[in-house]
Amino acid sequence: MQLKGLFIMSLCALTSAAPSPGSTIVKIVNNCRKTIQLGQLSNNQEPQSAMPIRSGKSKTYTFHGTWSGRFWAREDCTGSSCQIAGAAYPASLAEFTFRAAGGNDFYDLSFVDGYNLPLSITPVNPKEDGSSKYWCGAPSCDIAPTCPPELQMRENGVYVGCQSACSKFGNPEYCCAGAFSTPDKCPMNRYARVIKNACPDAYSFAYDDKESLYQCSAPAYVVTWCP
């Protein structure tokens, strides 16, 4: 897209303004053509009001010590649909846990509960060791997967997001629940395969850890919507 230069500039800015020891910076970049409403939720706080970020602009957050939470974004949303990400209002997620096992950060792109916009996560100045793509890798989904017609959510006739098969059908096999609640009993289903084929780096179903969970040690991360 036309705003690639913004991403390069954001990396340079973060490099020159490293966080204080024990803190982690997350910079959100809107590379989409429209204004996005950014949502954020951590494991120990109430949902915050959506934050508008205009096309070509960004917002920076600083987290101190251990923090676990998620970000999502929407275009053209109003009211409660801007505030929530989940079965009722599916959205692509950027998920983080900072300063976890071994003092490392864990992060992923998740489409498990549905999706809408493409996105990416890029570590800044990571402690790379080259051992695996999942150590300090940069997961990216450049184009959101095509949503099967039966999972499409629409508002006033306009497509706004793709439900998960679990939330749509409530089938234990799709939800990895009940008799299917262990990895060996809940393999990738056909709907998850559509996601994985289009965006190999993203979580496509509950037990997709092996191919979708990244970890790193870095002072900052850039989340780009519409990379």
Protein backbone atom coordinates (compact mmCIF):
# COMPACT_ATOMS: atom_id res chain seq x y z
CA MET A 1 0.00 0.00 0.00
CA GLN A 2 0.95 3.66 -0.25
CA LEU A 3 2.05 4.13 3.36
CA LYS A 4 5.04 1.78 3.64
CA GLY A 5 7.31 4.71 4.46
CA LEU A 6 5.37 5.29 7.67
CA PHE A 7 6.35 1.85 8.93
CA ILE A 8 10.05 2.50 8.30
CA MET A 9 9.80 5.85 10.07
CA SER A 10 8.05 4.25 13.04
CA LEU A 11 10.88 1.74 13.45
CA CYS A 12 13.46 4.54 13.38
CA ALA A 13 11.52 6.54 15.96
CA LEU A 14 11.27 3.61 18.34
CA THR A 15 14.94 2.79 17.91
CA SER A 16 15.88 6.32 18.95
CA ALA A 17 13.47 6.37 21.90
CA ALA A 18 13.94 3.10 23.77
CA PRO A 19 11.75 2.51 26.84
CA SER A 20 13.03 2.62 30.38
CA PRO A 21 14.33 -0.67 31.85
CA GLY A 22 11.47 -3.04 32.64
CA SER A 23 9.11 -1.37 30.14
CA THR A 24 7.92 -2.34 26.66
CA ILE A 25 6.67 -0.01 23.92
CA VAL A 26 3.93 -0.99 21.48
CA LYS A 27 3.43 1.33 18.53
CA ILE A 28 0.17 0.99 16.58
CA VAL A 29 0.39 2.12 12.95
CA ASN A 30 -2.67 2.64 10.75
CA ASN A 31 -1.63 1.79 7.21
CA CYS A 32 -5.25 1.37 6.10
CA ARG A 33 -6.99 3.81 3.79
CA LYS A 34 -9.58 4.74 6.42
CA THR A 35 -9.56 5.83 10.04
CA ILE A 36 -9.57 2.85 12.40
CA GLN A 37 -11.11 2.59 15.83
CA LEU A 38 -8.50 0.87 18.00
CA GLY A 39 -9.61 -1.37 20.86
CA GLN A 40 -7.43 -2.57 23.71
CA LEU A 41 -8.05 -5.03 26.55
CA SER A 42 -5.71 -6.47 29.15
CA ASN A 43 -6.27 -9.33 31.56
CA ASN A 44 -6.70 -6.99 34.53
CA GLN A 45 -8.69 -4.02 33.26
CA GLU A 46 -12.10 -3.07 31.95
CA PRO A 47 -12.48 -2.48 28.19
CA GLN A 48 -11.34 1.00 27.23
CA SER A 49 -13.08 3.36 24.84
CA ALA A 50 -12.07 2.86 21.24
CA MET A 51 -9.26 5.15 20.09
CA PRO A 52 -9.56 6.66 16.58
CA ILE A 53 -6.34 6.62 14.54
CA ARG A 54 -6.45 8.33 11.17
CA SER A 55 -4.93 6.80 8.08
CA GLY A 56 -1.17 7.34 8.09
CA LYS A 57 -1.05 8.07 11.82
CA SER A 58 0.04 6.06 14.86
CA LYS A 59 -0.30 5.78 18.62
CA THR A 60 2.30 4.57 21.12
CA TYR A 61 1.68 2.69 24.37
CA THR A 62 4.17 1.94 27.15
CA PHE A 63 3.68 -1.07 29.42
CA HIS A 64 5.62 -1.55 32.63
CA GLY A 65 6.72 -4.99 33.80
CA THR A 66 4.50 -7.98 33.10
CA TRP A 67 1.49 -7.22 30.91
CA SER A 68 -0.89 -9.43 28.96
CA GLY A 69 -3.54 -8.18 26.55
CA ARG A 70 -4.75 -7.65 23.02
CA PHE A 71 -5.40 -4.99 20.40
CA TRP A 72 -7.96 -4.93 17.60
CA ALA A 73 -9.17 -2.38 15.06
CA ARG A 74 -12.28 -1.64 13.03
CA GLU A 75 -13.24 0.64 10.18
CA ASP A 76 -16.63 2.38 9.95
CA CYS A 77 -17.85 1.07 13.31
CA THR A 78 -20.22 2.78 15.74
CA GLY A 79 -21.31 2.21 19.31
CA SER A 80 -20.67 -1.09 21.07
CA SER A 81 -19.23 -2.79 17.98
CA CYS A 82 -16.15 -0.55 18.38
CA GLN A 83 -15.59 -1.60 21.99
CA ILE A 84 -15.69 -5.40 21.86
CA ALA A 85 -13.81 -8.16 20.06
CA GLY A 86 -15.24 -11.65 20.25
CA ALA A 87 -18.00 -13.90 18.99
CA ALA A 88 -20.56 -11.11 18.62
CA TYR A 89 -18.14 -8.68 16.97
CA PRO A 90 -15.27 -10.64 15.38
CA ALA A 91 -11.97 -8.86 14.83
CA SER A 92 -8.36 -9.74 14.04
CA LEU A 93 -6.25 -9.64 17.21
CA ALA A 94 -2.66 -8.75 18.06
CA GLU A 95 -1.98 -10.51 21.37
CA PHE A 96 0.95 -9.96 23.75
CA THR A 97 2.31 -11.22 27.05
CA PHE A 98 5.36 -9.26 28.18
CA ARG A 99 8.02 -10.44 30.66
CA ALA A 100 6.63 -13.98 30.94
CA ALA A 101 8.51 -17.33 31.11
CA GLY A 102 12.25 -16.75 31.11
CA GLY A 103 11.63 -13.01 31.04
CA ASN A 104 10.64 -13.26 27.36
CA ASP A 105 7.67 -11.81 25.49
CA PHE A 106 5.07 -13.95 23.75
CA TYR A 107 2.94 -12.63 20.90
CA ASP A 108 0.69 -13.74 18.05
CA LEU A 109 -1.89 -12.79 15.45
CA SER A 110 -5.17 -14.49 16.35
CA PHE A 111 -8.15 -15.20 14.07
CA VAL A 112 -9.53 -17.89 16.41
CA ASP A 113 -12.59 -15.83 17.37
CA GLY A 114 -13.03 -14.37 13.90
CA TYR A 115 -11.27 -11.64 11.91
CA ASN A 116 -11.71 -8.49 9.89
CA LEU A 117 -8.55 -6.52 8.95
CA PRO A 118 -5.05 -7.71 7.98
CA LEU A 119 -2.21 -6.89 10.38
CA SER A 120 1.38 -7.62 11.38
CA ILE A 121 3.68 -7.52 14.43
CA THR A 122 7.35 -6.56 14.14
CA PRO A 123 9.85 -6.63 17.05
CA VAL A 124 12.22 -3.64 17.24
CA ASN A 125 15.90 -4.24 18.12
CA PRO A 126 15.25 -7.84 19.23
CA LYS A 127 17.79 -10.18 20.79
CA GLU A 128 17.91 -12.49 17.81
CA ASP A 129 19.60 -15.88 17.83
CA GLY A 130 18.46 -17.25 14.47
CA SER A 131 17.23 -20.48 16.01
CA SER A 132 13.70 -20.37 14.59
CA LYS A 133 11.25 -18.14 12.74
CA TYR A 134 9.23 -18.19 15.95
CA TRP A 135 12.02 -16.52 17.93
CA CYS A 136 11.73 -12.77 17.29
CA GLY A 137 9.89 -13.41 14.03
CA ALA A 138 7.51 -10.91 12.45
CA PRO A 139 4.13 -12.59 11.90
CA SER A 140 2.10 -10.96 9.17
CA CYS A 141 -1.19 -11.35 7.35
CA ASP A 142 -1.10 -8.99 4.39
CA ILE A 143 -4.59 -9.81 3.06
CA ALA A 144 -7.41 -11.04 5.31
CA PRO A 145 -8.64 -14.54 4.36
CA THR A 146 -11.75 -14.80 2.20
CA CYS A 147 -14.67 -15.37 4.55
CA PRO A 148 -17.04 -18.25 3.70
CA PRO A 149 -20.56 -16.90 3.03
CA GLU A 150 -22.06 -18.72 6.00
CA LEU A 151 -19.64 -16.97 8.41
CA GLN A 152 -19.91 -13.43 7.05
CA MET A 153 -21.25 -10.76 9.41
CA ARG A 154 -22.96 -7.77 7.84
CA GLU A 155 -24.31 -4.48 9.12
CA ASN A 156 -26.81 -2.72 6.86
CA GLY A 157 -25.79 -5.11 4.11
CA VAL A 158 -22.06 -4.28 4.39
CA TYR A 159 -19.53 -6.98 5.31
CA VAL A 160 -17.83 -6.08 8.61
CA GLY A 161 -16.12 -9.28 9.75
CA CYS A 162 -15.89 -13.05 9.64
CA GLN A 163 -17.26 -15.13 12.50
CA SER A 164 -15.45 -18.19 13.76
CA ALA A 165 -17.02 -21.56 13.04
CA CYS A 166 -17.24 -22.09 16.81
CA SER A 167 -19.29 -18.96 17.46
CA LYS A 168 -21.48 -19.53 14.40
CA PHE A 169 -22.33 -23.21 14.86
CA GLY A 170 -21.43 -23.96 18.49
CA ASN A 171 -20.09 -27.34 17.42
CA PRO A 172 -17.73 -28.84 20.07
CA GLU A 173 -15.45 -30.06 17.28
CA TYR A 174 -15.03 -26.49 16.00
CA CYS A 175 -14.75 -25.09 19.55
CA CYS A 176 -12.25 -27.71 20.80
CA ALA A 177 -14.64 -28.34 23.69
CA GLY A 178 -16.13 -31.35 25.46
CA ALA A 179 -14.88 -34.57 23.90
CA PHE A 180 -12.65 -32.44 21.61
CA SER A 181 -10.91 -30.46 24.38
CA THR A 182 -7.37 -31.80 23.86
CA PRO A 183 -4.94 -31.20 20.98
CA ASP A 184 -5.05 -34.81 19.81
CA LYS A 185 -8.87 -34.74 19.64
CA CYS A 186 -9.21 -31.33 17.99
CA PRO A 187 -7.21 -31.13 14.76
CA MET A 188 -7.46 -28.27 12.28
CA ASN A 189 -10.96 -28.11 10.76
CA ARG A 190 -11.89 -26.99 7.25
CA TYR A 191 -12.68 -23.42 8.32
CA ALA A 192 -9.38 -23.09 10.14
CA ARG A 193 -7.63 -24.43 7.03
CA VAL A 194 -9.01 -21.52 4.98
CA ILE A 195 -7.38 -19.11 7.46
CA LYS A 196 -4.09 -21.02 7.58
CA ASN A 197 -3.78 -21.22 3.81
CA ALA A 198 -4.24 -17.47 3.47
CA CYS A 199 -2.28 -16.37 6.56
CA PRO A 200 0.14 -19.10 7.73
CA ASP A 201 1.46 -16.96 10.61
CA ALA A 202 -1.94 -16.46 12.29
CA TYR A 203 -3.71 -18.61 14.87
CA SER A 204 -6.51 -20.38 13.03
CA PHE A 205 -7.97 -22.53 15.84
CA ALA A 206 -7.43 -23.11 19.55
CA TYR A 207 -4.55 -25.61 19.30
CA ASP A 208 -2.56 -23.86 16.58
CA ASP A 209 0.27 -22.95 18.99
CA LYS A 210 3.05 -24.80 17.18
CA GLU A 211 2.73 -22.74 13.99
CA SER A 212 1.49 -19.43 15.38
CA LEU A 213 3.02 -18.52 18.77
CA TYR A 214 6.13 -16.31 18.72
CA GLN A 215 8.46 -15.27 21.51
CA CYS A 216 11.21 -12.68 21.77
CA SER A 217 13.11 -10.29 23.99
CA ALA A 218 12.76 -6.78 22.58
CA PRO A 219 12.25 -3.25 23.90
CA ALA A 220 9.44 -2.46 21.47
CA TYR A 221 6.99 -3.86 18.93
CA VAL A 222 5.15 -2.30 15.98
CA VAL A 223 1.63 -3.46 15.18
CA THR A 224 0.63 -2.41 11.67
CA TRP A 225 -2.93 -2.58 10.43
CA CYS A 226 -3.18 -3.19 6.66
CA PRO A 227 0.59 -3.90 6.32
